[in-house]
Amino acid sequence: MNGLAILIPIALGLGLLGLAAFFWSLKNGQFDDPEGDARRIFMEDDEPCD
């Protein structure tokens, strides 16, 4: 029972930390151009890879 008293607040804290990081990334525009990232793989590079 003592273990749950420690693990539940830690789990809730980590969940809230992850949620805060997600909202921070939304606010800073990390997900503004998802289609550009998907099409970028089809673009050819000008420099050859030797």
PDB file of N, CA and C in Angstrom:
ATOM      1  N   MET A   1       0.818  -1.195   0.000  1.00  0.00           N
ATOM      2  CA  MET A   1       0.000   0.000   0.000  1.00  0.00           C
ATOM      3  C   MET A   1       0.864   1.263   0.000  1.00  0.00           C
ATOM      4  N   ASN A   2       2.005   1.204   0.699  1.00  0.00           N
ATOM      5  CA  ASN A   2       2.894   2.369   0.715  1.00  0.00           C
ATOM      6  C   ASN A   2       3.483   2.644  -0.660  1.00  0.00           C
ATOM      7  N   GLY A   3       3.686   1.570  -1.433  1.00  0.00           N
ATOM      8  CA  GLY A   3       4.223   1.751  -2.779  1.00  0.00           C
ATOM      9  C   GLY A   3       3.262   2.506  -3.685  1.00  0.00           C
ATOM     10  N   LEU A   4       1.966   2.222  -3.553  1.00  0.00           N
ATOM     11  CA  LEU A   4       0.970   2.932  -4.355  1.00  0.00           C
ATOM     12  C   LEU A   4       0.886   4.404  -3.981  1.00  0.00           C
ATOM     13  N   ALA A   5       1.096   4.708  -2.726  1.00  0.00           N
ATOM     14  CA  ALA A   5       1.057   6.103  -2.281  1.00  0.00           C
ATOM     15  C   ALA A   5       2.184   6.913  -2.913  1.00  0.00           C
ATOM     16  N   ILE A   6       3.239   6.239  -3.330  1.00  0.00           N
ATOM     17  CA  ILE A   6       4.357   6.926  -3.975  1.00  0.00           C
ATOM     18  C   ILE A   6       4.218   6.881  -5.492  1.00  0.00           C
ATOM     19  N   LEU A   7       3.822   5.732  -6.033  1.00  0.00           N
ATOM     20  CA  LEU A   7       3.795   5.554  -7.477  1.00  0.00           C
ATOM     21  C   LEU A   7       2.659   6.308  -8.173  1.00  0.00           C
ATOM     22  N   ILE A   8       1.507   6.417  -7.539  1.00  0.00           N
ATOM     23  CA  ILE A   8       0.387   7.123  -8.168  1.00  0.00           C
ATOM     24  C   ILE A   8       0.690   8.610  -8.370  1.00  0.00           C
ATOM     25  N   PRO A   9       1.197   9.337  -7.383  1.00  0.00           N
ATOM     26  CA  PRO A   9       1.545  10.748  -7.651  1.00  0.00           C
ATOM     27  C   PRO A   9       2.663  10.898  -8.681  1.00  0.00           C
ATOM     28  N   ILE A  10       3.616   9.976  -8.697  1.00  0.00           N
ATOM     29  CA  ILE A  10       4.675  10.042  -9.698  1.00  0.00           C
ATOM     30  C   ILE A  10       4.095   9.841 -11.094  1.00  0.00           C
ATOM     31  N   ALA A  11       3.197   8.874 -11.256  1.00  0.00           N
ATOM     32  CA  ALA A  11       2.574   8.618 -12.547  1.00  0.00           C
ATOM     33  C   ALA A  11       1.732   9.809 -12.997  1.00  0.00           C
ATOM     34  N   LEU A  12       0.986  10.390 -12.085  1.00  0.00           N
ATOM     35  CA  LEU A  12       0.187  11.569 -12.432  1.00  0.00           C
ATOM     36  C   LEU A  12       1.080  12.750 -12.811  1.00  0.00           C
ATOM     37  N   GLY A  13       2.167  12.929 -12.089  1.00  0.00           N
ATOM     38  CA  GLY A  13       3.103  14.013 -12.402  1.00  0.00           C
ATOM     39  C   GLY A  13       3.742  13.844 -13.771  1.00  0.00           C
ATOM     40  N   LEU A  14       4.140  12.611 -14.094  1.00  0.00           N
ATOM     41  CA  LEU A  14       4.731  12.374 -15.411  1.00  0.00           C
ATOM     42  C   LEU A  14       3.713  12.551 -16.529  1.00  0.00           C
ATOM     43  N   GLY A  15       2.479  12.150 -16.271  1.00  0.00           N
ATOM     44  CA  GLY A  15       1.421  12.364 -17.258  1.00  0.00           C
ATOM     45  C   GLY A  15       1.163  13.834 -17.498  1.00  0.00           C
ATOM     46  N   LEU A  16       1.115  14.612 -16.435  1.00  0.00           N
ATOM     47  CA  LEU A  16       0.921  16.054 -16.582  1.00  0.00           C
ATOM     48  C   LEU A  16       2.116  16.722 -17.257  1.00  0.00           C
ATOM     49  N   LEU A  17       3.306  16.218 -16.987  1.00  0.00           N
ATOM     50  CA  LEU A  17       4.500  16.746 -17.643  1.00  0.00           C
ATOM     51  C   LEU A  17       4.457  16.477 -19.149  1.00  0.00           C
ATOM     52  N   GLY A  18       4.044  15.288 -19.531  1.00  0.00           N
ATOM     53  CA  GLY A  18       3.913  14.964 -20.949  1.00  0.00           C
ATOM     54  C   GLY A  18       2.840  15.792 -21.626  1.00  0.00           C
ATOM     55  N   LEU A  19       1.728  16.007 -20.949  1.00  0.00           N
ATOM     56  CA  LEU A  19       0.657  16.836 -21.488  1.00  0.00           C
ATOM     57  C   LEU A  19       1.108  18.282 -21.647  1.00  0.00           C
ATOM     58  N   ALA A  20       1.851  18.779 -20.680  1.00  0.00           N
ATOM     59  CA  ALA A  20       2.373  20.149 -20.769  1.00  0.00           C
ATOM     60  C   ALA A  20       3.366  20.268 -21.927  1.00  0.00           C
ATOM     61  N   ALA A  21       4.204  19.257 -22.135  1.00  0.00           N
ATOM     62  CA  ALA A  21       5.150  19.292 -23.254  1.00  0.00           C
ATOM     63  C   ALA A  21       4.416  19.260 -24.586  1.00  0.00           C
ATOM     64  N   PHE A  22       3.326  18.494 -24.662  1.00  0.00           N
ATOM     65  CA  PHE A  22       2.532  18.450 -25.894  1.00  0.00           C
ATOM     66  C   PHE A  22       1.910  19.800 -26.195  1.00  0.00           C
ATOM     67  N   PHE A  23       1.308  20.436 -25.189  1.00  0.00           N
ATOM     68  CA  PHE A  23       0.698  21.744 -25.420  1.00  0.00           C
ATOM     69  C   PHE A  23       1.753  22.801 -25.721  1.00  0.00           C
ATOM     70  N   TRP A  24       2.936  22.693 -25.136  1.00  0.00           N
ATOM     71  CA  TRP A  24       4.018  23.624 -25.444  1.00  0.00           C
ATOM     72  C   TRP A  24       4.430  23.489 -26.908  1.00  0.00           C
ATOM     73  N   SER A  25       4.520  22.247 -27.400  1.00  0.00           N
ATOM     74  CA  SER A  25       4.907  22.048 -28.796  1.00  0.00           C
ATOM     75  C   SER A  25       3.819  22.532 -29.748  1.00  0.00           C
ATOM     76  N   LEU A  26       2.559  22.405 -29.363  1.00  0.00           N
ATOM     77  CA  LEU A  26       1.481  22.962 -30.181  1.00  0.00           C
ATOM     78  C   LEU A  26       1.584  24.479 -30.253  1.00  0.00           C
ATOM     79  N   LYS A  27       1.868  25.100 -29.114  1.00  0.00           N
ATOM     80  CA  LYS A  27       1.953  26.562 -29.058  1.00  0.00           C
ATOM     81  C   LYS A  27       3.123  27.096 -29.883  1.00  0.00           C
ATOM     82  N   ASN A  28       4.209  26.340 -29.947  1.00  0.00           N
ATOM     83  CA  ASN A  28       5.396  26.792 -30.661  1.00  0.00           C
ATOM     84  C   ASN A  28       5.414  26.373 -32.123  1.00  0.00           C
ATOM     85  N   GLY A  29       4.329  25.781 -32.625  1.00  0.00           N
ATOM     86  CA  GLY A  29       4.216  25.511 -34.053  1.00  0.00           C
ATOM     87  C   GLY A  29       4.928  24.268 -34.534  1.00  0.00           C
ATOM     88  N   GLN A  30       5.112  23.285 -33.702  1.00  0.00           N
ATOM     89  CA  GLN A  30       5.813  22.071 -34.119  1.00  0.00           C
ATOM     90  C   GLN A  30       4.989  21.234 -35.086  1.00  0.00           C
ATOM     91  N   PHE A  31       3.670  21.410 -35.107  1.00  0.00           N
ATOM     92  CA  PHE A  31       2.798  20.592 -35.938  1.00  0.00           C
ATOM     93  C   PHE A  31       2.108  21.415 -37.025  1.00  0.00           C
ATOM     94  N   ASP A  32       2.716  22.507 -37.467  1.00  0.00           N
ATOM     95  CA  ASP A  32       2.071  23.389 -38.429  1.00  0.00           C
ATOM     96  C   ASP A  32       2.070  22.847 -39.853  1.00  0.00           C
ATOM     97  N   ASP A  33       3.073  22.073 -40.249  1.00  0.00           N
ATOM     98  CA  ASP A  33       3.191  21.643 -41.640  1.00  0.00           C
ATOM     99  C   ASP A  33       3.416  20.139 -41.734  1.00  0.00           C
ATOM    100  N   PRO A  34       2.441  19.316 -41.378  1.00  0.00           N
ATOM    101  CA  PRO A  34       2.671  17.868 -41.451  1.00  0.00           C
ATOM    102  C   PRO A  34       2.756  17.342 -42.881  1.00  0.00           C
ATOM    103  N   GLU A  35       2.084  17.996 -43.847  1.00  0.00           N
ATOM    104  CA  GLU A  35       2.144  17.507 -45.229  1.00  0.00           C
ATOM    105  C   GLU A  35       3.487  17.844 -45.871  1.00  0.00           C
ATOM    106  N   GLY A  36       4.106  18.927 -45.473  1.00  0.00           N
ATOM    107  CA  GLY A  36       5.419  19.264 -45.999  1.00  0.00           C
ATOM    108  C   GLY A  36       6.459  18.234 -45.591  1.00  0.00           C
ATOM    109  N   ASP A  37       6.365  17.744 -44.381  1.00  0.00           N
ATOM    110  CA  ASP A  37       7.285  16.708 -43.924  1.00  0.00           C
ATOM    111  C   ASP A  37       7.059  15.412 -44.693  1.00  0.00           C
ATOM    112  N   ALA A  38       5.824  15.106 -45.003  1.00  0.00           N
ATOM    113  CA  ALA A  38       5.526  13.869 -45.727  1.00  0.00           C
ATOM    114  C   ALA A  38       6.024  13.932 -47.167  1.00  0.00           C
ATOM    115  N   ARG A  39       6.012  15.104 -47.770  1.00  0.00           N
ATOM    116  CA  ARG A  39       6.452  15.237 -49.165  1.00  0.00           C
ATOM    117  C   ARG A  39       7.959  15.468 -49.284  1.00  0.00           C
ATOM    118  N   ARG A  40       8.597  15.878 -48.217  1.00  0.00           N
ATOM    119  CA  ARG A  40      10.019  16.176 -48.259  1.00  0.00           C
ATOM    120  C   ARG A  40      10.860  14.941 -48.581  1.00  0.00           C
ATOM    121  N   ILE A  41      10.353  13.762 -48.253  1.00  0.00           N
ATOM    122  CA  ILE A  41      11.100  12.540 -48.513  1.00  0.00           C
ATOM    123  C   ILE A  41      11.228  12.272 -50.013  1.00  0.00           C
ATOM    124  N   PHE A  42      10.303  12.806 -50.817  1.00  0.00           N
ATOM    125  CA  PHE A  42      10.326  12.576 -52.252  1.00  0.00           C
ATOM    126  C   PHE A  42      11.210  13.573 -53.004  1.00  0.00           C
ATOM    127  N   MET A  43      11.677  14.616 -52.345  1.00  0.00           N
ATOM    128  CA  MET A  43      12.537  15.610 -52.983  1.00  0.00           C
ATOM    129  C   MET A  43      13.940  15.050 -53.149  1.00  0.00           C
ATOM    130  N   GLU A  44      14.534  15.359 -54.305  1.00  0.00           N
ATOM    131  CA  GLU A  44      15.893  14.885 -54.552  1.00  0.00           C
ATOM    132  C   GLU A  44      16.895  15.899 -54.029  1.00  0.00           C
ATOM    133  N   ASP A  45      17.981  15.394 -53.474  1.00  0.00           N
ATOM    134  CA  ASP A  45      19.057  16.250 -53.021  1.00  0.00           C
ATOM    135  C   ASP A  45      19.937  16.619 -54.212  1.00  0.00           C
ATOM    136  N   ASP A  46      20.469  17.832 -54.181  1.00  0.00           N
ATOM    137  CA  ASP A  46      21.366  18.263 -55.246  1.00  0.00           C
ATOM    138  C   ASP A  46      22.756  17.678 -55.086  1.00  0.00           C
ATOM    139  N   GLU A  47      23.147  17.390 -53.857  1.00  0.00           N
ATOM    140  CA  GLU A  47      24.494  16.876 -53.612  1.00  0.00           C
ATOM    141  C   GLU A  47      24.490  15.350 -53.600  1.00  0.00           C
ATOM    142  N   PRO A  48      25.422  14.726 -54.315  1.00  0.00           N
ATOM    143  CA  PRO A  48      25.491  13.264 -54.276  1.00  0.00           C
ATOM    144  C   PRO A  48      26.097  12.771 -52.949  1.00  0.00           C
ATOM    145  N   CYS A  49      25.690  11.615 -52.520  1.00  0.00           N
ATOM    146  CA  CYS A  49      26.227  11.023 -51.300  1.00  0.00           C
ATOM    147  C   CYS A  49      27.358  10.077 -51.672  1.00  0.00           C
ATOM    148  N   ASP A  50      28.581  10.476 -51.416  1.00  0.00           N
ATOM    149  CA  ASP A  50      29.727   9.617 -51.758  1.00  0.00           C
ATOM    150  C   ASP A  50      30.167   8.818 -50.568  1.00  0.00           C
TER     151      ASP A  50
END
